[in-house]
Amino acid sequence: MSDNPAIAQIQEDVTSNDVVLFMKGTPMFPQCGFSAAVVQILSQLGVKFKGVNVLEDDNLRQGIKDFTQWPTVPQLYVKGEFVGGSDIVREMAESGELETMFKEKNVAVA
């Protein structure tokens, strides 16, 4: 475990929520097109998720990148597992793989 409080908060969010999106902005007001695209995909599938605004805290913004060794935001987690960023989520949604993954992990979709 890290001494970094941002890493501890990320770990808490990822383990205590079925679906978490670390993003720029909020689900109601995304602050970048990539974050908006993932919010739209999750909303279309009817998936409930927690949105975490990385713009509110520089430590969190860097911490999420360190947490996964993934250089960009947004980042989607499902049942504690890192799924990917905007391009990966979009590709998975288009192929049907994303919806399948939600069903396999017992995450409710509309």
PDB file of N, CA and C in Angstrom:
ATOM      1  N   MET A   1       0.841  -1.189   0.000  1.00  0.00           N
ATOM      2  CA  MET A   1       0.000   0.000   0.000  1.00  0.00           C
ATOM      3  C   MET A   1       0.878   1.240   0.000  1.00  0.00           C
ATOM      4  N   SER A   2       0.369   2.271  -0.600  1.00  0.00           N
ATOM      5  CA  SER A   2       1.137   3.505  -0.750  1.00  0.00           C
ATOM      6  C   SER A   2       0.865   4.461   0.407  1.00  0.00           C
ATOM      7  N   ASP A   3       1.844   5.322   0.660  1.00  0.00           N
ATOM      8  CA  ASP A   3       1.641   6.387   1.647  1.00  0.00           C
ATOM      9  C   ASP A   3       0.874   7.556   1.044  1.00  0.00           C
ATOM     10  N   ASN A   4       0.700   7.546  -0.262  1.00  0.00           N
ATOM     11  CA  ASN A   4       0.013   8.624  -0.961  1.00  0.00           C
ATOM     12  C   ASN A   4      -1.493   8.536  -0.694  1.00  0.00           C
ATOM     13  N   PRO A   5      -2.084   9.588  -0.082  1.00  0.00           N
ATOM     14  CA  PRO A   5      -3.524   9.529   0.209  1.00  0.00           C
ATOM     15  C   PRO A   5      -4.378   9.424  -1.053  1.00  0.00           C
ATOM     16  N   ALA A   6      -3.905   9.975  -2.170  1.00  0.00           N
ATOM     17  CA  ALA A   6      -4.669   9.874  -3.420  1.00  0.00           C
ATOM     18  C   ALA A   6      -4.762   8.419  -3.867  1.00  0.00           C
ATOM     19  N   ILE A   7      -3.657   7.687  -3.746  1.00  0.00           N
ATOM     20  CA  ILE A   7      -3.653   6.263  -4.123  1.00  0.00           C
ATOM     21  C   ILE A   7      -4.602   5.481  -3.209  1.00  0.00           C
ATOM     22  N   ALA A   8      -4.581   5.805  -1.934  1.00  0.00           N
ATOM     23  CA  ALA A   8      -5.484   5.143  -0.985  1.00  0.00           C
ATOM     24  C   ALA A   8      -6.945   5.423  -1.354  1.00  0.00           C
ATOM     25  N   GLN A   9      -7.258   6.659  -1.741  1.00  0.00           N
ATOM     26  CA  GLN A   9      -8.627   7.016  -2.133  1.00  0.00           C
ATOM     27  C   GLN A   9      -9.030   6.297  -3.417  1.00  0.00           C
ATOM     28  N   ILE A  10      -8.103   6.222  -4.368  1.00  0.00           N
ATOM     29  CA  ILE A  10      -8.380   5.508  -5.621  1.00  0.00           C
ATOM     30  C   ILE A  10      -8.689   4.047  -5.320  1.00  0.00           C
ATOM     31  N   GLN A  11      -7.865   3.421  -4.494  1.00  0.00           N
ATOM     32  CA  GLN A  11      -8.071   2.017  -4.130  1.00  0.00           C
ATOM     33  C   GLN A  11      -9.439   1.826  -3.473  1.00  0.00           C
ATOM     34  N   GLU A  12      -9.802   2.742  -2.597  1.00  0.00           N
ATOM     35  CA  GLU A  12     -11.106   2.687  -1.926  1.00  0.00           C
ATOM     36  C   GLU A  12     -12.246   2.798  -2.941  1.00  0.00           C
ATOM     37  N   ASP A  13     -12.147   3.753  -3.853  1.00  0.00           N
ATOM     38  CA  ASP A  13     -13.200   3.940  -4.867  1.00  0.00           C
ATOM     39  C   ASP A  13     -13.335   2.710  -5.759  1.00  0.00           C
ATOM     40  N   VAL A  14     -12.200   2.164  -6.175  1.00  0.00           N
ATOM     41  CA  VAL A  14     -12.198   1.026  -7.093  1.00  0.00           C
ATOM     42  C   VAL A  14     -12.763  -0.231  -6.423  1.00  0.00           C
ATOM     43  N   THR A  15     -12.452  -0.431  -5.139  1.00  0.00           N
ATOM     44  CA  THR A  15     -12.911  -1.651  -4.471  1.00  0.00           C
ATOM     45  C   THR A  15     -14.336  -1.535  -3.920  1.00  0.00           C
ATOM     46  N   SER A  16     -14.813  -0.327  -3.674  1.00  0.00           N
ATOM     47  CA  SER A  16     -16.133  -0.195  -3.049  1.00  0.00           C
ATOM     48  C   SER A  16     -17.253   0.167  -4.032  1.00  0.00           C
ATOM     49  N   ASN A  17     -16.937   0.276  -5.312  1.00  0.00           N
ATOM     50  CA  ASN A  17     -17.949   0.571  -6.337  1.00  0.00           C
ATOM     51  C   ASN A  17     -17.810  -0.437  -7.479  1.00  0.00           C
ATOM     52  N   ASP A  18     -18.935  -0.906  -7.988  1.00  0.00           N
ATOM     53  CA  ASP A  18     -18.887  -1.865  -9.097  1.00  0.00           C
ATOM     54  C   ASP A  18     -18.256  -1.250 -10.340  1.00  0.00           C
ATOM     55  N   VAL A  19     -18.631   0.000 -10.639  1.00  0.00           N
ATOM     56  CA  VAL A  19     -18.129   0.673 -11.839  1.00  0.00           C
ATOM     57  C   VAL A  19     -17.691   2.079 -11.451  1.00  0.00           C
ATOM     58  N   VAL A  20     -16.435   2.407 -11.765  1.00  0.00           N
ATOM     59  CA  VAL A  20     -15.879   3.722 -11.452  1.00  0.00           C
ATOM     60  C   VAL A  20     -15.228   4.282 -12.706  1.00  0.00           C
ATOM     61  N   LEU A  21     -15.518   5.542 -12.976  1.00  0.00           N
ATOM     62  CA  LEU A  21     -14.885   6.240 -14.096  1.00  0.00           C
ATOM     63  C   LEU A  21     -14.113   7.428 -13.543  1.00  0.00           C
ATOM     64  N   PHE A  22     -12.790   7.354 -13.638  1.00  0.00           N
ATOM     65  CA  PHE A  22     -11.945   8.498 -13.307  1.00  0.00           C
ATOM     66  C   PHE A  22     -11.905   9.346 -14.562  1.00  0.00           C
ATOM     67  N   MET A  23     -12.359  10.585 -14.441  1.00  0.00           N
ATOM     68  CA  MET A  23     -12.597  11.407 -15.616  1.00  0.00           C
ATOM     69  C   MET A  23     -12.283  12.873 -15.355  1.00  0.00           C
ATOM     70  N   LYS A  24     -12.248  13.633 -16.426  1.00  0.00           N
ATOM     71  CA  LYS A  24     -12.117  15.082 -16.314  1.00  0.00           C
ATOM     72  C   LYS A  24     -13.529  15.651 -16.314  1.00  0.00           C
ATOM     73  N   GLY A  25     -13.905  16.244 -15.187  1.00  0.00           N
ATOM     74  CA  GLY A  25     -15.252  16.762 -15.024  1.00  0.00           C
ATOM     75  C   GLY A  25     -16.116  15.761 -14.279  1.00  0.00           C
ATOM     76  N   THR A  26     -17.415  15.935 -14.424  1.00  0.00           N
ATOM     77  CA  THR A  26     -18.388  15.071 -13.760  1.00  0.00           C
ATOM     78  C   THR A  26     -19.273  14.403 -14.812  1.00  0.00           C
ATOM     79  N   PRO A  27     -19.978  13.344 -14.449  1.00  0.00           N
ATOM     80  CA  PRO A  27     -20.873  12.716 -15.422  1.00  0.00           C
ATOM     81  C   PRO A  27     -21.896  13.698 -16.012  1.00  0.00           C
ATOM     82  N   MET A  28     -22.346  14.647 -15.204  1.00  0.00           N
ATOM     83  CA  MET A  28     -23.311  15.632 -15.709  1.00  0.00           C
ATOM     84  C   MET A  28     -22.652  16.737 -16.532  1.00  0.00           C
ATOM     85  N   PHE A  29     -21.334  16.951 -16.313  1.00  0.00           N
ATOM     86  CA  PHE A  29     -20.637  18.030 -17.011  1.00  0.00           C
ATOM     87  C   PHE A  29     -19.193  17.626 -17.306  1.00  0.00           C
ATOM     88  N   PRO A  30     -19.012  16.697 -18.254  1.00  0.00           N
ATOM     89  CA  PRO A  30     -17.660  16.280 -18.599  1.00  0.00           C
ATOM     90  C   PRO A  30     -16.841  17.454 -19.128  1.00  0.00           C
ATOM     91  N   GLN A  31     -15.552  17.459 -18.791  1.00  0.00           N
ATOM     92  CA  GLN A  31     -14.680  18.565 -19.182  1.00  0.00           C
ATOM     93  C   GLN A  31     -13.763  18.223 -20.359  1.00  0.00           C
ATOM     94  N   CYS A  32     -13.934  17.039 -20.951  1.00  0.00           N
ATOM     95  CA  CYS A  32     -13.192  16.714 -22.173  1.00  0.00           C
ATOM     96  C   CYS A  32     -14.015  15.745 -23.003  1.00  0.00           C
ATOM     97  N   GLY A  33     -13.750  15.717 -24.279  1.00  0.00           N
ATOM     98  CA  GLY A  33     -14.510  14.878 -25.195  1.00  0.00           C
ATOM     99  C   GLY A  33     -14.359  13.389 -24.923  1.00  0.00           C
ATOM    100  N   PHE A  34     -13.153  12.979 -24.491  1.00  0.00           N
ATOM    101  CA  PHE A  34     -12.920  11.562 -24.213  1.00  0.00           C
ATOM    102  C   PHE A  34     -13.739  11.105 -23.015  1.00  0.00           C
ATOM    103  N   SER A  35     -13.754  11.940 -21.967  1.00  0.00           N
ATOM    104  CA  SER A  35     -14.571  11.617 -20.791  1.00  0.00           C
ATOM    105  C   SER A  35     -16.046  11.598 -21.164  1.00  0.00           C
ATOM    106  N   ALA A  36     -16.472  12.574 -21.954  1.00  0.00           N
ATOM    107  CA  ALA A  36     -17.869  12.643 -22.384  1.00  0.00           C
ATOM    108  C   ALA A  36     -18.266  11.400 -23.168  1.00  0.00           C
ATOM    109  N   ALA A  37     -17.370  10.898 -24.009  1.00  0.00           N
ATOM    110  CA  ALA A  37     -17.668   9.717 -24.819  1.00  0.00           C
ATOM    111  C   ALA A  37     -17.905   8.494 -23.942  1.00  0.00           C
ATOM    112  N   VAL A  38     -17.082   8.305 -22.905  1.00  0.00           N
ATOM    113  CA  VAL A  38     -17.247   7.144 -22.029  1.00  0.00           C
ATOM    114  C   VAL A  38     -18.528   7.284 -21.209  1.00  0.00           C
ATOM    115  N   VAL A  39     -18.814   8.487 -20.713  1.00  0.00           N
ATOM    116  CA  VAL A  39     -20.064   8.728 -19.982  1.00  0.00           C
ATOM    117  C   VAL A  39     -21.258   8.378 -20.874  1.00  0.00           C
ATOM    118  N   GLN A  40     -21.206   8.792 -22.116  1.00  0.00           N
ATOM    119  CA  GLN A  40     -22.308   8.520 -23.044  1.00  0.00           C
ATOM    120  C   GLN A  40     -22.494   7.014 -23.257  1.00  0.00           C
ATOM    121  N   ILE A  41     -21.402   6.291 -23.429  1.00  0.00           N
ATOM    122  CA  ILE A  41     -21.476   4.840 -23.625  1.00  0.00           C
ATOM    123  C   ILE A  41     -22.093   4.163 -22.404  1.00  0.00           C
ATOM    124  N   LEU A  42     -21.590   4.522 -21.210  1.00  0.00           N
ATOM    125  CA  LEU A  42     -22.131   3.922 -19.988  1.00  0.00           C
ATOM    126  C   LEU A  42     -23.599   4.271 -19.810  1.00  0.00           C
ATOM    127  N   SER A  43     -23.961   5.497 -20.122  1.00  0.00           N
ATOM    128  CA  SER A  43     -25.358   5.932 -19.997  1.00  0.00           C
ATOM    129  C   SER A  43     -26.258   5.186 -20.977  1.00  0.00           C
ATOM    130  N   GLN A  44     -25.771   5.002 -22.210  1.00  0.00           N
ATOM    131  CA  GLN A  44     -26.563   4.271 -23.211  1.00  0.00           C
ATOM    132  C   GLN A  44     -26.805   2.828 -22.782  1.00  0.00           C
ATOM    133  N   LEU A  45     -25.818   2.238 -22.111  1.00  0.00           N
ATOM    134  CA  LEU A  45     -25.973   0.870 -21.617  1.00  0.00           C
ATOM    135  C   LEU A  45     -26.812   0.818 -20.342  1.00  0.00           C
ATOM    136  N   GLY A  46     -27.046   1.974 -19.736  1.00  0.00           N
ATOM    137  CA  GLY A  46     -27.823   2.027 -18.505  1.00  0.00           C
ATOM    138  C   GLY A  46     -27.050   1.559 -17.288  1.00  0.00           C
ATOM    139  N   VAL A  47     -25.726   1.706 -17.338  1.00  0.00           N
ATOM    140  CA  VAL A  47     -24.870   1.260 -16.244  1.00  0.00           C
ATOM    141  C   VAL A  47     -24.721   2.372 -15.220  1.00  0.00           C
ATOM    142  N   LYS A  48     -24.993   2.052 -13.974  1.00  0.00           N
ATOM    143  CA  LYS A  48     -24.757   3.022 -12.899  1.00  0.00           C
ATOM    144  C   LYS A  48     -23.278   3.001 -12.563  1.00  0.00           C
ATOM    145  N   PHE A  49     -22.700   4.182 -12.417  1.00  0.00           N
ATOM    146  CA  PHE A  49     -21.272   4.266 -12.132  1.00  0.00           C
ATOM    147  C   PHE A  49     -20.965   5.475 -11.284  1.00  0.00           C
ATOM    148  N   LYS A  50     -19.818   5.401 -10.615  1.00  0.00           N
ATOM    149  CA  LYS A  50     -19.329   6.545  -9.856  1.00  0.00           C
ATOM    150  C   LYS A  50     -18.342   7.293 -10.736  1.00  0.00           C
ATOM    151  N   GLY A  51     -18.567   8.575 -10.914  1.00  0.00           N
ATOM    152  CA  GLY A  51     -17.634   9.423 -11.644  1.00  0.00           C
ATOM    153  C   GLY A  51     -16.736  10.145 -10.655  1.00  0.00           C
ATOM    154  N   VAL A  52     -15.424  10.111 -10.882  1.00  0.00           N
ATOM    155  CA  VAL A  52     -14.461  10.798 -10.023  1.00  0.00           C
ATOM    156  C   VAL A  52     -13.754  11.847 -10.867  1.00  0.00           C
ATOM    157  N   ASN A  53     -13.915  13.101 -10.470  1.00  0.00           N
ATOM    158  CA  ASN A  53     -13.339  14.222 -11.208  1.00  0.00           C
ATOM    159  C   ASN A  53     -11.878  14.418 -10.816  1.00  0.00           C
ATOM    160  N   VAL A  54     -10.965  14.049 -11.715  1.00  0.00           N
ATOM    161  CA  VAL A  54      -9.535  14.170 -11.413  1.00  0.00           C
ATOM    162  C   VAL A  54      -9.053  15.619 -11.469  1.00  0.00           C
ATOM    163  N   LEU A  55      -9.874  16.512 -12.012  1.00  0.00           N
ATOM    164  CA  LEU A  55      -9.470  17.921 -12.104  1.00  0.00           C
ATOM    165  C   LEU A  55      -9.573  18.641 -10.756  1.00  0.00           C
ATOM    166  N   GLU A  56     -10.255  18.019  -9.796  1.00  0.00           N
ATOM    167  CA  GLU A  56     -10.416  18.648  -8.482  1.00  0.00           C
ATOM    168  C   GLU A  56      -9.168  18.562  -7.620  1.00  0.00           C
ATOM    169  N   ASP A  57      -8.244  17.659  -7.980  1.00  0.00           N
ATOM    170  CA  ASP A  57      -7.083  17.413  -7.121  1.00  0.00           C
ATOM    171  C   ASP A  57      -5.908  16.945  -7.984  1.00  0.00           C
ATOM    172  N   ASP A  58      -4.829  17.738  -8.014  1.00  0.00           N
ATOM    173  CA  ASP A  58      -3.658  17.373  -8.820  1.00  0.00           C
ATOM    174  C   ASP A  58      -3.048  16.052  -8.372  1.00  0.00           C
ATOM    175  N   ASN A  59      -3.080  15.778  -7.064  1.00  0.00           N
ATOM    176  CA  ASN A  59      -2.544  14.505  -6.571  1.00  0.00           C
ATOM    177  C   ASN A  59      -3.354  13.322  -7.093  1.00  0.00           C
ATOM    178  N   LEU A  60      -4.661  13.506  -7.152  1.00  0.00           N
ATOM    179  CA  LEU A  60      -5.535  12.472  -7.690  1.00  0.00           C
ATOM    180  C   LEU A  60      -5.294  12.303  -9.190  1.00  0.00           C
ATOM    181  N   ARG A  61      -5.150  13.420  -9.873  1.00  0.00           N
ATOM    182  CA  ARG A  61      -4.930  13.386 -11.323  1.00  0.00           C
ATOM    183  C   ARG A  61      -3.661  12.608 -11.666  1.00  0.00           C
ATOM    184  N   GLN A  62      -2.588  12.830 -10.924  1.00  0.00           N
ATOM    185  CA  GLN A  62      -1.357  12.083 -11.147  1.00  0.00           C
ATOM    186  C   GLN A  62      -1.454  10.688 -10.540  1.00  0.00           C
ATOM    187  N   GLY A  63      -2.128  10.590  -9.409  1.00  0.00           N
ATOM    188  CA  GLY A  63      -2.234   9.322  -8.711  1.00  0.00           C
ATOM    189  C   GLY A  63      -2.905   8.242  -9.538  1.00  0.00           C
ATOM    190  N   ILE A  64      -3.951   8.603 -10.288  1.00  0.00           N
ATOM    191  CA  ILE A  64      -4.653   7.590 -11.088  1.00  0.00           C
ATOM    192  C   ILE A  64      -3.745   7.072 -12.194  1.00  0.00           C
ATOM    193  N   LYS A  65      -2.883   7.934 -12.719  1.00  0.00           N
ATOM    194  CA  LYS A  65      -1.930   7.501 -13.757  1.00  0.00           C
ATOM    195  C   LYS A  65      -0.888   6.564 -13.159  1.00  0.00           C
ATOM    196  N   ASP A  66      -0.432   6.882 -11.950  1.00  0.00           N
ATOM    197  CA  ASP A  66       0.539   6.031 -11.264  1.00  0.00           C
ATOM    198  C   ASP A  66      -0.085   4.696 -10.852  1.00  0.00           C
ATOM    199  N   PHE A  67      -1.353   4.749 -10.457  1.00  0.00           N
ATOM    200  CA  PHE A  67      -2.068   3.567  -9.962  1.00  0.00           C
ATOM    201  C   PHE A  67      -2.094   2.458 -11.012  1.00  0.00           C
ATOM    202  N   THR A  68      -2.308   2.832 -12.265  1.00  0.00           N
ATOM    203  CA  THR A  68      -2.440   1.838 -13.338  1.00  0.00           C
ATOM    204  C   THR A  68      -1.262   1.798 -14.289  1.00  0.00           C
ATOM    205  N   GLN A  69      -0.345   2.758 -14.143  1.00  0.00           N
ATOM    206  CA  GLN A  69       0.712   2.909 -15.148  1.00  0.00           C
ATOM    207  C   GLN A  69       0.093   3.173 -16.516  1.00  0.00           C
ATOM    208  N   TRP A  70      -1.022   3.909 -16.531  1.00  0.00           N
ATOM    209  CA  TRP A  70      -1.736   4.265 -17.757  1.00  0.00           C
ATOM    210  C   TRP A  70      -1.684   5.787 -17.849  1.00  0.00           C
ATOM    211  N   PRO A  71      -1.212   6.350 -18.959  1.00  0.00           N
ATOM    212  CA  PRO A  71      -0.884   7.772 -18.986  1.00  0.00           C
ATOM    213  C   PRO A  71      -2.045   8.746 -19.183  1.00  0.00           C
ATOM    214  N   THR A  72      -3.237   8.237 -19.469  1.00  0.00           N
ATOM    215  CA  THR A  72      -4.323   9.157 -19.820  1.00  0.00           C
ATOM    216  C   THR A  72      -5.563   8.942 -18.967  1.00  0.00           C
ATOM    217  N   VAL A  73      -6.424   9.936 -18.993  1.00  0.00           N
ATOM    218  CA  VAL A  73      -7.733   9.932 -18.351  1.00  0.00           C
ATOM    219  C   VAL A  73      -8.724  10.228 -19.473  1.00  0.00           C
ATOM    220  N   PRO A  74      -9.860   9.556 -19.535  1.00  0.00           N
ATOM    221  CA  PRO A  74     -10.529   8.777 -18.500  1.00  0.00           C
ATOM    222  C   PRO A  74      -9.973   7.358 -18.356  1.00  0.00           C
ATOM    223  N   GLN A  75     -10.308   6.784 -17.194  1.00  0.00           N
ATOM    224  CA  GLN A  75      -9.983   5.386 -16.907  1.00  0.00           C
ATOM    225  C   GLN A  75     -11.215   4.727 -16.295  1.00  0.00           C
ATOM    226  N   LEU A  76     -11.590   3.602 -16.865  1.00  0.00           N
ATOM    227  CA  LEU A  76     -12.771   2.873 -16.402  1.00  0.00           C
ATOM    228  C   LEU A  76     -12.366   1.614 -15.646  1.00  0.00           C
ATOM    229  N   TYR A  77     -12.996   1.414 -14.489  1.00  0.00           N
ATOM    230  CA  TYR A  77     -12.795   0.222 -13.667  1.00  0.00           C
ATOM    231  C   TYR A  77     -14.125  -0.471 -13.479  1.00  0.00           C
ATOM    232  N   VAL A  78     -14.123  -1.789 -13.608  1.00  0.00           N
ATOM    233  CA  VAL A  78     -15.320  -2.595 -13.389  1.00  0.00           C
ATOM    234  C   VAL A  78     -14.971  -3.706 -12.405  1.00  0.00           C
ATOM    235  N   LYS A  79     -15.675  -3.713 -11.273  1.00  0.00           N
ATOM    236  CA  LYS A  79     -15.450  -4.712 -10.219  1.00  0.00           C
ATOM    237  C   LYS A  79     -13.964  -4.798  -9.852  1.00  0.00           C
ATOM    238  N   GLY A  80     -13.331  -3.639  -9.721  1.00  0.00           N
ATOM    239  CA  GLY A  80     -11.947  -3.585  -9.297  1.00  0.00           C
ATOM    240  C   GLY A  80     -10.922  -3.774 -10.393  1.00  0.00           C
ATOM    241  N   GLU A  81     -11.368  -4.075 -11.608  1.00  0.00           N
ATOM    242  CA  GLU A  81     -10.456  -4.354 -12.719  1.00  0.00           C
ATOM    243  C   GLU A  81     -10.377  -3.147 -13.660  1.00  0.00           C
ATOM    244  N   PHE A  82      -9.146  -2.755 -13.990  1.00  0.00           N
ATOM    245  CA  PHE A  82      -8.941  -1.674 -14.948  1.00  0.00           C
ATOM    246  C   PHE A  82      -9.332  -2.168 -16.333  1.00  0.00           C
ATOM    247  N   VAL A  83     -10.264  -1.457 -16.976  1.00  0.00           N
ATOM    248  CA  VAL A  83     -10.734  -1.835 -18.314  1.00  0.00           C
ATOM    249  C   VAL A  83      -9.928  -1.099 -19.379  1.00  0.00           C
ATOM    250  N   GLY A  84      -9.798   0.219 -19.220  1.00  0.00           N
ATOM    251  CA  GLY A  84      -9.055   1.000 -20.201  1.00  0.00           C
ATOM    252  C   GLY A  84      -9.554   2.418 -20.279  1.00  0.00           C
ATOM    253  N   GLY A  85      -9.102   3.098 -21.316  1.00  0.00           N
ATOM    254  CA  GLY A  85      -9.476   4.478 -21.554  1.00  0.00           C
ATOM    255  C   GLY A  85     -10.542   4.585 -22.623  1.00  0.00           C
ATOM    256  N   SER A  86     -10.701   5.786 -23.137  1.00  0.00           N
ATOM    257  CA  SER A  86     -11.777   6.097 -24.067  1.00  0.00           C
ATOM    258  C   SER A  86     -11.775   5.209 -25.314  1.00  0.00           C
ATOM    259  N   ASP A  87     -10.637   5.065 -25.964  1.00  0.00           N
ATOM    260  CA  ASP A  87     -10.586   4.280 -27.205  1.00  0.00           C
ATOM    261  C   ASP A  87     -10.939   2.821 -26.954  1.00  0.00           C
ATOM    262  N   ILE A  88     -10.390   2.252 -25.897  1.00  0.00           N
ATOM    263  CA  ILE A  88     -10.655   0.843 -25.574  1.00  0.00           C
ATOM    264  C   ILE A  88     -12.128   0.649 -25.236  1.00  0.00           C
ATOM    265  N   VAL A  89     -12.687   1.548 -24.423  1.00  0.00           N
ATOM    266  CA  VAL A  89     -14.101   1.433 -24.039  1.00  0.00           C
ATOM    267  C   VAL A  89     -14.990   1.570 -25.276  1.00  0.00           C
ATOM    268  N   ARG A  90     -14.660   2.502 -26.158  1.00  0.00           N
ATOM    269  CA  ARG A  90     -15.450   2.695 -27.382  1.00  0.00           C
ATOM    270  C   ARG A  90     -15.405   1.433 -28.250  1.00  0.00           C
ATOM    271  N   GLU A  91     -14.207   0.885 -28.446  1.00  0.00           N
ATOM    272  CA  GLU A  91     -14.069  -0.328 -29.257  1.00  0.00           C
ATOM    273  C   GLU A  91     -14.837  -1.492 -28.638  1.00  0.00           C
ATOM    274  N   MET A  92     -14.748  -1.636 -27.315  1.00  0.00           N
ATOM    275  CA  MET A  92     -15.469  -2.710 -26.634  1.00  0.00           C
ATOM    276  C   MET A  92     -16.975  -2.522 -26.756  1.00  0.00           C
ATOM    277  N   ALA A  93     -17.440  -1.273 -26.687  1.00  0.00           N
ATOM    278  CA  ALA A  93     -18.875  -0.998 -26.813  1.00  0.00           C
ATOM    279  C   ALA A  93     -19.357  -1.335 -28.218  1.00  0.00           C
ATOM    280  N   GLU A  94     -18.571  -0.956 -29.230  1.00  0.00           N
ATOM    281  CA  GLU A  94     -18.968  -1.211 -30.617  1.00  0.00           C
ATOM    282  C   GLU A  94     -19.030  -2.702 -30.933  1.00  0.00           C
ATOM    283  N   SER A  95     -18.133  -3.489 -30.333  1.00  0.00           N
ATOM    284  CA  SER A  95     -18.093  -4.933 -30.612  1.00  0.00           C
ATOM    285  C   SER A  95     -19.086  -5.725 -29.757  1.00  0.00           C
ATOM    286  N   GLY A  96     -19.663  -5.077 -28.733  1.00  0.00           N
ATOM    287  CA  GLY A  96     -20.557  -5.774 -27.812  1.00  0.00           C
ATOM    288  C   GLY A  96     -19.826  -6.381 -26.622  1.00  0.00           C
ATOM    289  N   GLU A  97     -18.491  -6.285 -26.650  1.00  0.00           N
ATOM    290  CA  GLU A  97     -17.671  -6.880 -25.593  1.00  0.00           C
ATOM    291  C   GLU A  97     -17.906  -6.203 -24.238  1.00  0.00           C
ATOM    292  N   LEU A  98     -18.153  -4.900 -24.256  1.00  0.00           N
ATOM    293  CA  LEU A  98     -18.352  -4.164 -23.001  1.00  0.00           C
ATOM    294  C   LEU A  98     -19.620  -4.650 -22.291  1.00  0.00           C
ATOM    295  N   GLU A  99     -20.711  -4.730 -23.034  1.00  0.00           N
ATOM    296  CA  GLU A  99     -21.970  -5.190 -22.443  1.00  0.00           C
ATOM    297  C   GLU A  99     -21.829  -6.632 -21.930  1.00  0.00           C
ATOM    298  N   THR A 100     -21.139  -7.475 -22.694  1.00  0.00           N
ATOM    299  CA  THR A 100     -20.893  -8.854 -22.277  1.00  0.00           C
ATOM    300  C   THR A 100     -20.110  -8.883 -20.963  1.00  0.00           C
ATOM    301  N   MET A 101     -19.074  -8.039 -20.880  1.00  0.00           N
ATOM    302  CA  MET A 101     -18.259  -8.003 -19.669  1.00  0.00           C
ATOM    303  C   MET A 101     -19.113  -7.590 -18.467  1.00  0.00           C
ATOM    304  N   PHE A 102     -19.968  -6.566 -18.639  1.00  0.00           N
ATOM    305  CA  PHE A 102     -20.841  -6.149 -17.540  1.00  0.00           C
ATOM    306  C   PHE A 102     -21.727  -7.304 -17.090  1.00  0.00           C
ATOM    307  N   LYS A 103     -22.299  -8.030 -18.032  1.00  0.00           N
ATOM    308  CA  LYS A 103     -23.169  -9.155 -17.679  1.00  0.00           C
ATOM    309  C   LYS A 103     -22.398 -10.251 -16.965  1.00  0.00           C
ATOM    310  N   GLU A 104     -21.193 -10.565 -17.473  1.00  0.00           N
ATOM    311  CA  GLU A 104     -20.382 -11.616 -16.856  1.00  0.00           C
ATOM    312  C   GLU A 104     -19.969 -11.251 -15.433  1.00  0.00           C
ATOM    313  N   LYS A 105     -19.811  -9.964 -15.176  1.00  0.00           N
ATOM    314  CA  LYS A 105     -19.395  -9.505 -13.847  1.00  0.00           C
ATOM    315  C   LYS A 105     -20.607  -9.125 -12.982  1.00  0.00           C
ATOM    316  N   ASN A 106     -21.797  -9.458 -13.459  1.00  0.00           N
ATOM    317  CA  ASN A 106     -23.036  -9.175 -12.731  1.00  0.00           C
ATOM    318  C   ASN A 106     -23.240  -7.695 -12.433  1.00  0.00           C
ATOM    319  N   VAL A 107     -22.918  -6.866 -13.420  1.00  0.00           N
ATOM    320  CA  VAL A 107     -23.204  -5.429 -13.325  1.00  0.00           C
ATOM    321  C   VAL A 107     -24.476  -5.184 -14.124  1.00  0.00           C
ATOM    322  N   ALA A 108     -25.457  -4.557 -13.498  1.00  0.00           N
ATOM    323  CA  ALA A 108     -26.747  -4.348 -14.152  1.00  0.00           C
ATOM    324  C   ALA A 108     -26.622  -3.386 -15.331  1.00  0.00           C
ATOM    325  N   VAL A 109     -27.216  -3.812 -16.459  1.00  0.00           N
ATOM    326  CA  VAL A 109     -27.331  -2.942 -17.626  1.00  0.00           C
ATOM    327  C   VAL A 109     -28.809  -2.809 -17.944  1.00  0.00           C
ATOM    328  N   ALA A 110     -29.165  -1.706 -18.562  1.00  0.00           N
ATOM    329  CA  ALA A 110     -30.575  -1.436 -18.837  1.00  0.00           C
ATOM    330  C   ALA A 110     -31.107  -2.346 -19.938  1.00  0.00           C
TER     331      ALA A 110
END
